[in-house]
Amino acid sequence: MLEVVLRDSVHMSERGDGCGSQMQIEATVSRFDIEVDGRLVSAEPGQTIAAALIGAGITVFRHTPTGAPRGIFCGMGACFDCLVTVDGLVEQRACMTPVRQGMRVQTLSAVGD
């Protein structure tokens, strides 16, 4: 949940007439947990799965059939190195999939597992 508070404030302009105004925005974010390979990882609204995993120190999302580690590479959905299983849907791009409260993510040991 994102809570946004808007506050108006008036300040003196350089002319000294008080006609300047400024809008301040304060935001508080309610973090939540997602399950990744059976462990809880903290996430916040608007993050991708990749951002939440990187924030938790998880940098390897899968391994290729030859054993090479793969994680976030391009960050824009072009390379498919960050594939994970999300709520049973296989080969989802972690860099393009937003987190949802209660989501279950499994990293992959190899494409096609």
C-alpha atoms as a PDB file:
ATOM      1  CA  MET A   1       0.000   0.000   0.000  1.00  0.00           C
ATOM      2  CA  LEU A   2       1.331   3.430  -0.933  1.00  0.00           C
ATOM      3  CA  GLU A   3       0.147   6.357   1.104  1.00  0.00           C
ATOM      4  CA  VAL A   4       0.747   9.793  -0.388  1.00  0.00           C
ATOM      5  CA  VAL A   5       0.419  12.998   1.598  1.00  0.00           C
ATOM      6  CA  LEU A   6       0.347  16.318  -0.258  1.00  0.00           C
ATOM      7  CA  ARG A   7       1.190  19.520   1.556  1.00  0.00           C
ATOM      8  CA  ASP A   8       0.935  23.047   0.226  1.00  0.00           C
ATOM      9  CA  SER A   9       3.358  25.632   1.464  1.00  0.00           C
ATOM     10  CA  VAL A  10       3.761  29.261   0.531  1.00  0.00           C
ATOM     11  CA  HIS A  11       7.137  30.951   0.541  1.00  0.00           C
ATOM     12  CA  MET A  12       8.277  34.428  -0.263  1.00  0.00           C
ATOM     13  CA  SER A  13       9.255  34.969  -3.868  1.00  0.00           C
ATOM     14  CA  GLU A  14      12.350  36.944  -4.751  1.00  0.00           C
ATOM     15  CA  ARG A  15      10.084  39.980  -5.117  1.00  0.00           C
ATOM     16  CA  GLY A  16       8.966  39.545  -1.500  1.00  0.00           C
ATOM     17  CA  ASP A  17       5.275  39.277  -2.400  1.00  0.00           C
ATOM     18  CA  GLY A  18       4.577  35.784  -1.097  1.00  0.00           C
ATOM     19  CA  CYS A  19       3.329  34.621  -4.502  1.00  0.00           C
ATOM     20  CA  GLY A  20       5.646  31.634  -4.711  1.00  0.00           C
ATOM     21  CA  SER A  21       4.171  28.265  -3.828  1.00  0.00           C
ATOM     22  CA  GLN A  22       5.611  24.835  -3.461  1.00  0.00           C
ATOM     23  CA  MET A  23       4.060  21.366  -3.260  1.00  0.00           C
ATOM     24  CA  GLN A  24       5.728  18.789  -1.032  1.00  0.00           C
ATOM     25  CA  ILE A  25       5.009  15.122  -1.500  1.00  0.00           C
ATOM     26  CA  GLU A  26       5.672  12.606   1.230  1.00  0.00           C
ATOM     27  CA  ALA A  27       5.237   8.918   0.536  1.00  0.00           C
ATOM     28  CA  THR A  28       5.317   5.952   2.831  1.00  0.00           C
ATOM     29  CA  VAL A  29       5.499   2.454   1.402  1.00  0.00           C
ATOM     30  CA  SER A  30       4.102  -0.599   3.107  1.00  0.00           C
ATOM     31  CA  ARG A  31       6.534  -3.447   2.493  1.00  0.00           C
ATOM     32  CA  PHE A  32       5.341  -7.033   2.229  1.00  0.00           C
ATOM     33  CA  ASP A  33       6.898 -10.449   1.802  1.00  0.00           C
ATOM     34  CA  ILE A  34       7.054 -12.740  -1.179  1.00  0.00           C
ATOM     35  CA  GLU A  35       8.191 -16.355  -0.978  1.00  0.00           C
ATOM     36  CA  VAL A  36      11.333 -17.208  -2.942  1.00  0.00           C
ATOM     37  CA  ASP A  37      12.486 -20.831  -2.928  1.00  0.00           C
ATOM     38  CA  GLY A  38      10.682 -21.350   0.374  1.00  0.00           C
ATOM     39  CA  ARG A  39      12.099 -18.303   2.180  1.00  0.00           C
ATOM     40  CA  LEU A  40      10.516 -14.896   2.748  1.00  0.00           C
ATOM     41  CA  VAL A  41      11.930 -11.930   0.856  1.00  0.00           C
ATOM     42  CA  SER A  42      10.854  -8.362   1.601  1.00  0.00           C
ATOM     43  CA  ALA A  43       9.422  -6.389  -1.310  1.00  0.00           C
ATOM     44  CA  GLU A  44       7.600  -3.145  -1.893  1.00  0.00           C
ATOM     45  CA  PRO A  45       4.854  -2.127  -4.289  1.00  0.00           C
ATOM     46  CA  GLY A  46       6.135  -1.165  -7.718  1.00  0.00           C
ATOM     47  CA  GLN A  47       9.246  -3.347  -7.565  1.00  0.00           C
ATOM     48  CA  THR A  48       9.945  -6.088 -10.024  1.00  0.00           C
ATOM     49  CA  ILE A  49      10.787  -9.570  -8.815  1.00  0.00           C
ATOM     50  CA  ALA A  50      14.370  -8.946  -9.941  1.00  0.00           C
ATOM     51  CA  ALA A  51      14.630  -5.799  -7.791  1.00  0.00           C
ATOM     52  CA  ALA A  52      13.314  -7.647  -4.737  1.00  0.00           C
ATOM     53  CA  LEU A  53      15.727 -10.552  -5.292  1.00  0.00           C
ATOM     54  CA  ILE A  54      18.728  -8.267  -5.779  1.00  0.00           C
ATOM     55  CA  GLY A  55      17.693  -6.336  -2.659  1.00  0.00           C
ATOM     56  CA  ALA A  56      17.735  -9.630  -0.743  1.00  0.00           C
ATOM     57  CA  GLY A  57      21.214 -10.496  -2.045  1.00  0.00           C
ATOM     58  CA  ILE A  58      19.983 -13.138  -4.496  1.00  0.00           C
ATOM     59  CA  THR A  59      21.913 -12.632  -7.730  1.00  0.00           C
ATOM     60  CA  VAL A  60      21.633 -16.044  -9.422  1.00  0.00           C
ATOM     61  CA  PHE A  61      18.109 -16.766 -10.646  1.00  0.00           C
ATOM     62  CA  ARG A  62      18.822 -19.865 -12.706  1.00  0.00           C
ATOM     63  CA  HIS A  63      21.573 -21.973 -14.274  1.00  0.00           C
ATOM     64  CA  THR A  64      21.911 -22.877 -17.932  1.00  0.00           C
ATOM     65  CA  PRO A  65      21.960 -26.558 -18.914  1.00  0.00           C
ATOM     66  CA  THR A  66      25.785 -26.357 -18.849  1.00  0.00           C
ATOM     67  CA  GLY A  67      25.735 -24.960 -15.301  1.00  0.00           C
ATOM     68  CA  ALA A  68      26.484 -21.296 -16.012  1.00  0.00           C
ATOM     69  CA  PRO A  69      24.777 -18.952 -13.516  1.00  0.00           C
ATOM     70  CA  ARG A  70      22.278 -16.419 -14.816  1.00  0.00           C
ATOM     71  CA  GLY A  71      20.595 -13.466 -13.136  1.00  0.00           C
ATOM     72  CA  ILE A  72      19.669  -9.925 -14.027  1.00  0.00           C
ATOM     73  CA  PHE A  73      21.520  -8.786 -17.146  1.00  0.00           C
ATOM     74  CA  CYS A  74      19.632  -6.347 -19.339  1.00  0.00           C
ATOM     75  CA  GLY A  75      16.880  -5.406 -16.883  1.00  0.00           C
ATOM     76  CA  MET A  76      14.417  -4.686 -19.697  1.00  0.00           C
ATOM     77  CA  GLY A  77      13.132  -8.075 -20.803  1.00  0.00           C
ATOM     78  CA  ALA A  78      15.287  -8.539 -23.899  1.00  0.00           C
ATOM     79  CA  CYS A  79      17.785 -11.216 -22.823  1.00  0.00           C
ATOM     80  CA  PHE A  80      15.702 -13.776 -20.857  1.00  0.00           C
ATOM     81  CA  ASP A  81      18.576 -14.451 -18.409  1.00  0.00           C
ATOM     82  CA  CYS A  82      16.380 -13.780 -15.357  1.00  0.00           C
ATOM     83  CA  LEU A  83      13.764 -16.497 -15.862  1.00  0.00           C
ATOM     84  CA  VAL A  84      11.936 -17.739 -12.772  1.00  0.00           C
ATOM     85  CA  THR A  85       8.733 -19.628 -12.003  1.00  0.00           C
ATOM     86  CA  VAL A  86       5.985 -17.404 -10.573  1.00  0.00           C
ATOM     87  CA  ASP A  87       2.961 -18.989  -8.911  1.00  0.00           C
ATOM     88  CA  GLY A  88       3.436 -22.071 -11.083  1.00  0.00           C
ATOM     89  CA  LEU A  89       3.955 -20.193 -14.362  1.00  0.00           C
ATOM     90  CA  VAL A  90       7.353 -21.217 -15.726  1.00  0.00           C
ATOM     91  CA  GLU A  91       9.951 -19.050 -17.463  1.00  0.00           C
ATOM     92  CA  GLN A  92       8.690 -15.646 -16.361  1.00  0.00           C
ATOM     93  CA  ARG A  93      11.098 -12.710 -16.712  1.00  0.00           C
ATOM     94  CA  ALA A  94      11.899 -11.461 -13.206  1.00  0.00           C
ATOM     95  CA  CYS A  95      12.941  -8.051 -14.551  1.00  0.00           C
ATOM     96  CA  MET A  96       9.497  -7.485 -16.100  1.00  0.00           C
ATOM     97  CA  THR A  97       7.185  -9.046 -13.522  1.00  0.00           C
ATOM     98  CA  PRO A  98       5.944  -6.814 -10.696  1.00  0.00           C
ATOM     99  CA  VAL A  99       5.815  -8.274  -7.197  1.00  0.00           C
ATOM    100  CA  ARG A 100       2.456  -9.028  -5.595  1.00  0.00           C
ATOM    101  CA  GLN A 101       1.773  -9.759  -1.984  1.00  0.00           C
ATOM    102  CA  GLY A 102       1.681 -13.513  -1.384  1.00  0.00           C
ATOM    103  CA  MET A 103       3.444 -14.403  -4.630  1.00  0.00           C
ATOM    104  CA  ARG A 104       5.592 -17.547  -4.754  1.00  0.00           C
ATOM    105  CA  VAL A 105       8.757 -17.460  -6.830  1.00  0.00           C
ATOM    106  CA  GLN A 106      11.056 -20.352  -7.638  1.00  0.00           C
ATOM    107  CA  THR A 107      14.436 -19.821  -9.199  1.00  0.00           C
ATOM    108  CA  LEU A 108      15.290 -22.299 -11.949  1.00  0.00           C
ATOM    109  CA  SER A 109      18.287 -24.592 -12.066  1.00  0.00           C
ATOM    110  CA  ALA A 110      18.084 -24.818 -15.876  1.00  0.00           C
ATOM    111  CA  VAL A 111      15.707 -23.649 -18.571  1.00  0.00           C
ATOM    112  CA  GLY A 112      13.133 -26.339 -19.187  1.00  0.00           C
ATOM    113  CA  ASP A 113      13.244 -27.875 -15.694  1.00  0.00           C
END
